[in-house]
Amino acid sequence: MNRFSLLCLFLLARTAHCANWPEFLGPEKNNVSPETGLRQSIPENGLPIVWQKNVGTGYSAPSIWEKQLVLHHRK
């Protein structure tokens, strides 16, 4: 998994406890999050990895519902 994928998963997982992001571009389909207190920049040394999962290839966007992240991929 590349760094961009990990970053996307991390950012999406960070919002899992706050709001559902059930589909591509979010609940309003406009790529705008109603959440507050989100990071405005990424530190030079990157974001801390809080969890990690090896996945195969695929073209789906991750979805978040309640405390679950769903990602369709193939091995």
PDB file of N, CA and C in Angstrom:
ATOM      1  N   MET A   1       0.864  -1.177   0.000  1.00  0.00           N
ATOM      2  CA  MET A   1       0.000   0.000   0.000  1.00  0.00           C
ATOM      3  C   MET A   1       0.903   1.230   0.000  1.00  0.00           C
ATOM      4  N   ASN A   2       0.596   2.193  -0.845  1.00  0.00           N
ATOM      5  CA  ASN A   2       1.450   3.372  -0.918  1.00  0.00           C
ATOM      6  C   ASN A   2       1.072   4.389   0.163  1.00  0.00           C
ATOM      7  N   ARG A   3       1.913   5.405   0.297  1.00  0.00           N
ATOM      8  CA  ARG A   3       1.721   6.399   1.363  1.00  0.00           C
ATOM      9  C   ARG A   3       0.422   7.179   1.188  1.00  0.00           C
ATOM     10  N   PHE A   4       0.054   7.473  -0.061  1.00  0.00           N
ATOM     11  CA  PHE A   4      -1.183   8.219  -0.314  1.00  0.00           C
ATOM     12  C   PHE A   4      -2.392   7.426   0.169  1.00  0.00           C
ATOM     13  N   SER A   5      -2.406   6.118  -0.125  1.00  0.00           N
ATOM     14  CA  SER A   5      -3.518   5.276   0.322  1.00  0.00           C
ATOM     15  C   SER A   5      -3.612   5.247   1.840  1.00  0.00           C
ATOM     16  N   LEU A   6      -2.462   5.126   2.490  1.00  0.00           N
ATOM     17  CA  LEU A   6      -2.457   5.124   3.954  1.00  0.00           C
ATOM     18  C   LEU A   6      -2.971   6.448   4.506  1.00  0.00           C
ATOM     19  N   LEU A   7      -2.551   7.531   3.867  1.00  0.00           N
ATOM     20  CA  LEU A   7      -3.010   8.845   4.310  1.00  0.00           C
ATOM     21  C   LEU A   7      -4.524   8.959   4.163  1.00  0.00           C
ATOM     22  N   CYS A   8      -5.050   8.529   3.028  1.00  0.00           N
ATOM     23  CA  CYS A   8      -6.500   8.589   2.810  1.00  0.00           C
ATOM     24  C   CYS A   8      -7.242   7.762   3.848  1.00  0.00           C
ATOM     25  N   LEU A   9      -6.767   6.559   4.079  1.00  0.00           N
ATOM     26  CA  LEU A   9      -7.423   5.696   5.068  1.00  0.00           C
ATOM     27  C   LEU A   9      -7.351   6.308   6.464  1.00  0.00           C
ATOM     28  N   PHE A  10      -6.192   6.883   6.789  1.00  0.00           N
ATOM     29  CA  PHE A  10      -6.046   7.506   8.104  1.00  0.00           C
ATOM     30  C   PHE A  10      -7.010   8.674   8.259  1.00  0.00           C
ATOM     31  N   LEU A  11      -7.070   9.539   7.258  1.00  0.00           N
ATOM     32  CA  LEU A  11      -7.947  10.698   7.353  1.00  0.00           C
ATOM     33  C   LEU A  11      -9.407  10.285   7.440  1.00  0.00           C
ATOM     34  N   LEU A  12      -9.792   9.286   6.677  1.00  0.00           N
ATOM     35  CA  LEU A  12     -11.165   8.809   6.742  1.00  0.00           C
ATOM     36  C   LEU A  12     -11.455   8.144   8.079  1.00  0.00           C
ATOM     37  N   ALA A  13     -10.505   7.382   8.583  1.00  0.00           N
ATOM     38  CA  ALA A  13     -10.705   6.699   9.861  1.00  0.00           C
ATOM     39  C   ALA A  13     -10.811   7.701  11.006  1.00  0.00           C
ATOM     40  N   ARG A  14     -10.095   8.822  10.893  1.00  0.00           N
ATOM     41  CA  ARG A  14     -10.160   9.842  11.942  1.00  0.00           C
ATOM     42  C   ARG A  14     -11.572  10.404  12.076  1.00  0.00           C
ATOM     43  N   THR A  15     -12.332  10.445  10.997  1.00  0.00           N
ATOM     44  CA  THR A  15     -13.680  10.996  11.067  1.00  0.00           C
ATOM     45  C   THR A  15     -14.716   9.927  11.387  1.00  0.00           C
ATOM     46  N   ALA A  16     -14.310   8.667  11.499  1.00  0.00           N
ATOM     47  CA  ALA A  16     -15.264   7.570  11.704  1.00  0.00           C
ATOM     48  C   ALA A  16     -16.081   7.748  12.972  1.00  0.00           C
ATOM     49  N   HIS A  17     -15.489   8.309  14.013  1.00  0.00           N
ATOM     50  CA  HIS A  17     -16.219   8.486  15.265  1.00  0.00           C
ATOM     51  C   HIS A  17     -17.125   9.706  15.247  1.00  0.00           C
ATOM     52  N   CYS A  18     -17.016  10.548  14.222  1.00  0.00           N
ATOM     53  CA  CYS A  18     -17.784  11.792  14.177  1.00  0.00           C
ATOM     54  C   CYS A  18     -18.936  11.767  13.179  1.00  0.00           C
ATOM     55  N   ALA A  19     -18.646  11.357  11.959  1.00  0.00           N
ATOM     56  CA  ALA A  19     -19.670  11.435  10.923  1.00  0.00           C
ATOM     57  C   ALA A  19     -19.517  10.267   9.960  1.00  0.00           C
ATOM     58  N   ASN A  20     -20.617   9.844   9.398  1.00  0.00           N
ATOM     59  CA  ASN A  20     -20.559   8.794   8.390  1.00  0.00           C
ATOM     60  C   ASN A  20     -20.136   9.405   7.055  1.00  0.00           C
ATOM     61  N   TRP A  21     -19.345   8.678   6.319  1.00  0.00           N
ATOM     62  CA  TRP A  21     -18.888   9.084   4.990  1.00  0.00           C
ATOM     63  C   TRP A  21     -19.173   7.880   4.107  1.00  0.00           C
ATOM     64  N   PRO A  22     -20.442   7.625   3.797  1.00  0.00           N
ATOM     65  CA  PRO A  22     -20.863   6.352   3.229  1.00  0.00           C
ATOM     66  C   PRO A  22     -20.574   6.144   1.745  1.00  0.00           C
ATOM     67  N   GLU A  23     -20.145   7.174   1.038  1.00  0.00           N
ATOM     68  CA  GLU A  23     -19.926   7.016  -0.391  1.00  0.00           C
ATOM     69  C   GLU A  23     -18.895   8.009  -0.893  1.00  0.00           C
ATOM     70  N   PHE A  24     -18.478   7.818  -2.124  1.00  0.00           N
ATOM     71  CA  PHE A  24     -17.501   8.694  -2.752  1.00  0.00           C
ATOM     72  C   PHE A  24     -17.972  10.147  -2.679  1.00  0.00           C
ATOM     73  N   LEU A  25     -17.095  11.031  -2.274  1.00  0.00           N
ATOM     74  CA  LEU A  25     -17.350  12.467  -2.103  1.00  0.00           C
ATOM     75  C   LEU A  25     -18.205  12.798  -0.889  1.00  0.00           C
ATOM     76  N   GLY A  26     -18.516  11.815  -0.054  1.00  0.00           N
ATOM     77  CA  GLY A  26     -19.188  12.094   1.204  1.00  0.00           C
ATOM     78  C   GLY A  26     -20.699  12.055   1.164  1.00  0.00           C
ATOM     79  N   PRO A  27     -21.309  12.300   2.308  1.00  0.00           N
ATOM     80  CA  PRO A  27     -22.759  12.154   2.434  1.00  0.00           C
ATOM     81  C   PRO A  27     -23.564  13.120   1.557  1.00  0.00           C
ATOM     82  N   GLU A  28     -23.030  14.287   1.273  1.00  0.00           N
ATOM     83  CA  GLU A  28     -23.729  15.253   0.417  1.00  0.00           C
ATOM     84  C   GLU A  28     -23.217  15.218  -1.022  1.00  0.00           C
ATOM     85  N   LYS A  29     -22.286  14.301  -1.301  1.00  0.00           N
ATOM     86  CA  LYS A  29     -21.688  14.131  -2.639  1.00  0.00           C
ATOM     87  C   LYS A  29     -21.019  15.403  -3.152  1.00  0.00           C
ATOM     88  N   ASN A  30     -20.430  16.184  -2.228  1.00  0.00           N
ATOM     89  CA  ASN A  30     -19.763  17.414  -2.626  1.00  0.00           C
ATOM     90  C   ASN A  30     -18.328  17.511  -2.103  1.00  0.00           C
ATOM     91  N   ASN A  31     -17.820  16.441  -1.488  1.00  0.00           N
ATOM     92  CA  ASN A  31     -16.459  16.367  -0.949  1.00  0.00           C
ATOM     93  C   ASN A  31     -16.214  17.404   0.148  1.00  0.00           C
ATOM     94  N   VAL A  32     -17.262  17.766   0.865  1.00  0.00           N
ATOM     95  CA  VAL A  32     -17.149  18.733   1.957  1.00  0.00           C
ATOM     96  C   VAL A  32     -17.557  18.051   3.247  1.00  0.00           C
ATOM     97  N   SER A  33     -16.702  18.185   4.264  1.00  0.00           N
ATOM     98  CA  SER A  33     -17.008  17.600   5.562  1.00  0.00           C
ATOM     99  C   SER A  33     -17.574  18.678   6.487  1.00  0.00           C
ATOM    100  N   PRO A  34     -18.668  18.377   7.189  1.00  0.00           N
ATOM    101  CA  PRO A  34     -19.218  19.348   8.133  1.00  0.00           C
ATOM    102  C   PRO A  34     -18.462  19.365   9.460  1.00  0.00           C
ATOM    103  N   GLU A  35     -17.482  18.484   9.605  1.00  0.00           N
ATOM    104  CA  GLU A  35     -16.739  18.376  10.859  1.00  0.00           C
ATOM    105  C   GLU A  35     -15.909  19.626  11.113  1.00  0.00           C
ATOM    106  N   THR A  36     -15.640  19.885  12.376  1.00  0.00           N
ATOM    107  CA  THR A  36     -14.794  21.002  12.773  1.00  0.00           C
ATOM    108  C   THR A  36     -13.551  20.466  13.448  1.00  0.00           C
ATOM    109  N   GLY A  37     -12.544  21.282  13.567  1.00  0.00           N
ATOM    110  CA  GLY A  37     -11.315  20.880  14.244  1.00  0.00           C
ATOM    111  C   GLY A  37     -10.433  19.967  13.415  1.00  0.00           C
ATOM    112  N   LEU A  38     -10.642  19.915  12.091  1.00  0.00           N
ATOM    113  CA  LEU A  38      -9.818  19.071  11.226  1.00  0.00           C
ATOM    114  C   LEU A  38      -8.472  19.732  10.989  1.00  0.00           C
ATOM    115  N   ARG A  39      -7.477  18.923  10.689  1.00  0.00           N
ATOM    116  CA  ARG A  39      -6.143  19.450  10.402  1.00  0.00           C
ATOM    117  C   ARG A  39      -6.180  20.372   9.189  1.00  0.00           C
ATOM    118  N   GLN A  40      -5.433  21.448   9.275  1.00  0.00           N
ATOM    119  CA  GLN A  40      -5.318  22.374   8.162  1.00  0.00           C
ATOM    120  C   GLN A  40      -4.066  22.108   7.334  1.00  0.00           C
ATOM    121  N   SER A  41      -3.125  21.347   7.905  1.00  0.00           N
ATOM    122  CA  SER A  41      -1.897  21.012   7.188  1.00  0.00           C
ATOM    123  C   SER A  41      -1.365  19.682   7.721  1.00  0.00           C
ATOM    124  N   ILE A  42      -0.448  19.110   6.975  1.00  0.00           N
ATOM    125  CA  ILE A  42       0.177  17.843   7.360  1.00  0.00           C
ATOM    126  C   ILE A  42       1.603  18.148   7.813  1.00  0.00           C
ATOM    127  N   PRO A  43       2.025  17.664   8.991  1.00  0.00           N
ATOM    128  CA  PRO A  43       3.378  17.921   9.470  1.00  0.00           C
ATOM    129  C   PRO A  43       4.425  17.409   8.479  1.00  0.00           C
ATOM    130  N   GLU A  44       5.595  18.032   8.478  1.00  0.00           N
ATOM    131  CA  GLU A  44       6.673  17.639   7.562  1.00  0.00           C
ATOM    132  C   GLU A  44       7.034  16.165   7.679  1.00  0.00           C
ATOM    133  N   ASN A  45       7.020  15.630   8.891  1.00  0.00           N
ATOM    134  CA  ASN A  45       7.386  14.224   9.093  1.00  0.00           C
ATOM    135  C   ASN A  45       6.205  13.283   8.899  1.00  0.00           C
ATOM    136  N   GLY A  46       5.080  13.809   8.418  1.00  0.00           N
ATOM    137  CA  GLY A  46       3.921  12.978   8.120  1.00  0.00           C
ATOM    138  C   GLY A  46       3.006  12.782   9.316  1.00  0.00           C
ATOM    139  N   LEU A  47       1.933  12.094   9.077  1.00  0.00           N
ATOM    140  CA  LEU A  47       0.964  11.788  10.127  1.00  0.00           C
ATOM    141  C   LEU A  47       1.323  10.460  10.791  1.00  0.00           C
ATOM    142  N   PRO A  48       1.006  10.298  12.069  1.00  0.00           N
ATOM    143  CA  PRO A  48       1.285   9.013  12.714  1.00  0.00           C
ATOM    144  C   PRO A  48       0.355   7.936  12.154  1.00  0.00           C
ATOM    145  N   ILE A  49       0.877   6.744  11.973  1.00  0.00           N
ATOM    146  CA  ILE A  49       0.058   5.611  11.535  1.00  0.00           C
ATOM    147  C   ILE A  49      -0.565   5.000  12.782  1.00  0.00           C
ATOM    148  N   VAL A  50      -1.879   4.980  12.837  1.00  0.00           N
ATOM    149  CA  VAL A  50      -2.567   4.452  14.011  1.00  0.00           C
ATOM    150  C   VAL A  50      -3.035   3.018  13.804  1.00  0.00           C
ATOM    151  N   TRP A  51      -3.155   2.579  12.544  1.00  0.00           N
ATOM    152  CA  TRP A  51      -3.433   1.189  12.218  1.00  0.00           C
ATOM    153  C   TRP A  51      -3.088   0.991  10.756  1.00  0.00           C
ATOM    154  N   GLN A  52      -2.943  -0.271  10.392  1.00  0.00           N
ATOM    155  CA  GLN A  52      -2.517  -0.575   9.033  1.00  0.00           C
ATOM    156  C   GLN A  52      -3.075  -1.925   8.614  1.00  0.00           C
ATOM    157  N   LYS A  53      -3.401  -2.066   7.349  1.00  0.00           N
ATOM    158  CA  LYS A  53      -3.925  -3.322   6.817  1.00  0.00           C
ATOM    159  C   LYS A  53      -3.409  -3.485   5.395  1.00  0.00           C
ATOM    160  N   ASN A  54      -2.804  -4.614   5.088  1.00  0.00           N
ATOM    161  CA  ASN A  54      -2.367  -4.893   3.728  1.00  0.00           C
ATOM    162  C   ASN A  54      -3.577  -5.263   2.890  1.00  0.00           C
ATOM    163  N   VAL A  55      -3.728  -4.607   1.741  1.00  0.00           N
ATOM    164  CA  VAL A  55      -4.847  -4.884   0.848  1.00  0.00           C
ATOM    165  C   VAL A  55      -4.311  -5.073  -0.564  1.00  0.00           C
ATOM    166  N   GLY A  56      -5.146  -5.633  -1.410  1.00  0.00           N
ATOM    167  CA  GLY A  56      -4.791  -5.835  -2.801  1.00  0.00           C
ATOM    168  C   GLY A  56      -5.098  -4.595  -3.625  1.00  0.00           C
ATOM    169  N   THR A  57      -5.204  -4.780  -4.929  1.00  0.00           N
ATOM    170  CA  THR A  57      -5.494  -3.655  -5.814  1.00  0.00           C
ATOM    171  C   THR A  57      -6.992  -3.453  -5.938  1.00  0.00           C
ATOM    172  N   GLY A  58      -7.373  -2.299  -6.370  1.00  0.00           N
ATOM    173  CA  GLY A  58      -8.782  -2.016  -6.563  1.00  0.00           C
ATOM    174  C   GLY A  58      -8.995  -0.558  -6.900  1.00  0.00           C
ATOM    175  N   TYR A  59     -10.200  -0.231  -7.256  1.00  0.00           N
ATOM    176  CA  TYR A  59     -10.510   1.127  -7.663  1.00  0.00           C
ATOM    177  C   TYR A  59     -11.643   1.749  -6.854  1.00  0.00           C
ATOM    178  N   SER A  60     -12.053   1.130  -5.776  1.00  0.00           N
ATOM    179  CA  SER A  60     -13.166   1.685  -5.002  1.00  0.00           C
ATOM    180  C   SER A  60     -12.652   2.695  -3.988  1.00  0.00           C
ATOM    181  N   ALA A  61     -13.520   3.597  -3.592  1.00  0.00           N
ATOM    182  CA  ALA A  61     -13.201   4.548  -2.530  1.00  0.00           C
ATOM    183  C   ALA A  61     -13.616   3.926  -1.200  1.00  0.00           C
ATOM    184  N   PRO A  62     -12.851   4.144  -0.145  1.00  0.00           N
ATOM    185  CA  PRO A  62     -13.262   3.646   1.164  1.00  0.00           C
ATOM    186  C   PRO A  62     -14.552   4.331   1.606  1.00  0.00           C
ATOM    187  N   SER A  63     -15.374   3.604   2.339  1.00  0.00           N
ATOM    188  CA  SER A  63     -16.603   4.157   2.908  1.00  0.00           C
ATOM    189  C   SER A  63     -16.566   3.948   4.410  1.00  0.00           C
ATOM    190  N   ILE A  64     -17.133   4.883   5.148  1.00  0.00           N
ATOM    191  CA  ILE A  64     -17.183   4.771   6.609  1.00  0.00           C
ATOM    192  C   ILE A  64     -18.630   4.848   7.047  1.00  0.00           C
ATOM    193  N   TRP A  65     -19.013   3.886   7.883  1.00  0.00           N
ATOM    194  CA  TRP A  65     -20.339   3.897   8.498  1.00  0.00           C
ATOM    195  C   TRP A  65     -20.181   3.455   9.931  1.00  0.00           C
ATOM    196  N   GLU A  66     -20.622   4.313  10.845  1.00  0.00           N
ATOM    197  CA  GLU A  66     -20.430   4.083  12.274  1.00  0.00           C
ATOM    198  C   GLU A  66     -18.932   3.900  12.535  1.00  0.00           C
ATOM    199  N   LYS A  67     -18.514   2.752  13.046  1.00  0.00           N
ATOM    200  CA  LYS A  67     -17.088   2.534  13.341  1.00  0.00           C
ATOM    201  C   LYS A  67     -16.446   1.558  12.369  1.00  0.00           C
ATOM    202  N   GLN A  68     -17.041   1.384  11.199  1.00  0.00           N
ATOM    203  CA  GLN A  68     -16.506   0.423  10.226  1.00  0.00           C
ATOM    204  C   GLN A  68     -16.029   1.132   8.963  1.00  0.00           C
ATOM    205  N   LEU A  69     -14.869   0.721   8.474  1.00  0.00           N
ATOM    206  CA  LEU A  69     -14.365   1.192   7.196  1.00  0.00           C
ATOM    207  C   LEU A  69     -14.512   0.043   6.208  1.00  0.00           C
ATOM    208  N   VAL A  70     -15.111   0.284   5.060  1.00  0.00           N
ATOM    209  CA  VAL A  70     -15.332  -0.740   4.044  1.00  0.00           C
ATOM    210  C   VAL A  70     -14.519  -0.363   2.818  1.00  0.00           C
ATOM    211  N   LEU A  71     -13.726  -1.320   2.340  1.00  0.00           N
ATOM    212  CA  LEU A  71     -12.901  -1.105   1.158  1.00  0.00           C
ATOM    213  C   LEU A  71     -12.956  -2.359   0.308  1.00  0.00           C
ATOM    214  N   HIS A  72     -13.383  -2.238  -0.916  1.00  0.00           N
ATOM    215  CA  HIS A  72     -13.427  -3.385  -1.820  1.00  0.00           C
ATOM    216  C   HIS A  72     -12.097  -3.446  -2.566  1.00  0.00           C
ATOM    217  N   HIS A  73     -11.490  -4.633  -2.569  1.00  0.00           N
ATOM    218  CA  HIS A  73     -10.199  -4.800  -3.242  1.00  0.00           C
ATOM    219  C   HIS A  73     -10.068  -6.249  -3.681  1.00  0.00           C
ATOM    220  N   ARG A  74      -9.024  -6.519  -4.413  1.00  0.00           N
ATOM    221  CA  ARG A  74      -8.776  -7.910  -4.823  1.00  0.00           C
ATOM    222  C   ARG A  74      -7.331  -8.238  -4.543  1.00  0.00           C
ATOM    223  N   LYS A  75      -7.115  -9.503  -4.237  1.00  0.00           N
ATOM    224  CA  LYS A  75      -5.748  -9.967  -3.950  1.00  0.00           C
ATOM    225  C   LYS A  75      -5.169 -10.588  -5.175  1.00  0.00           C
TER     226      LYS A  75
END
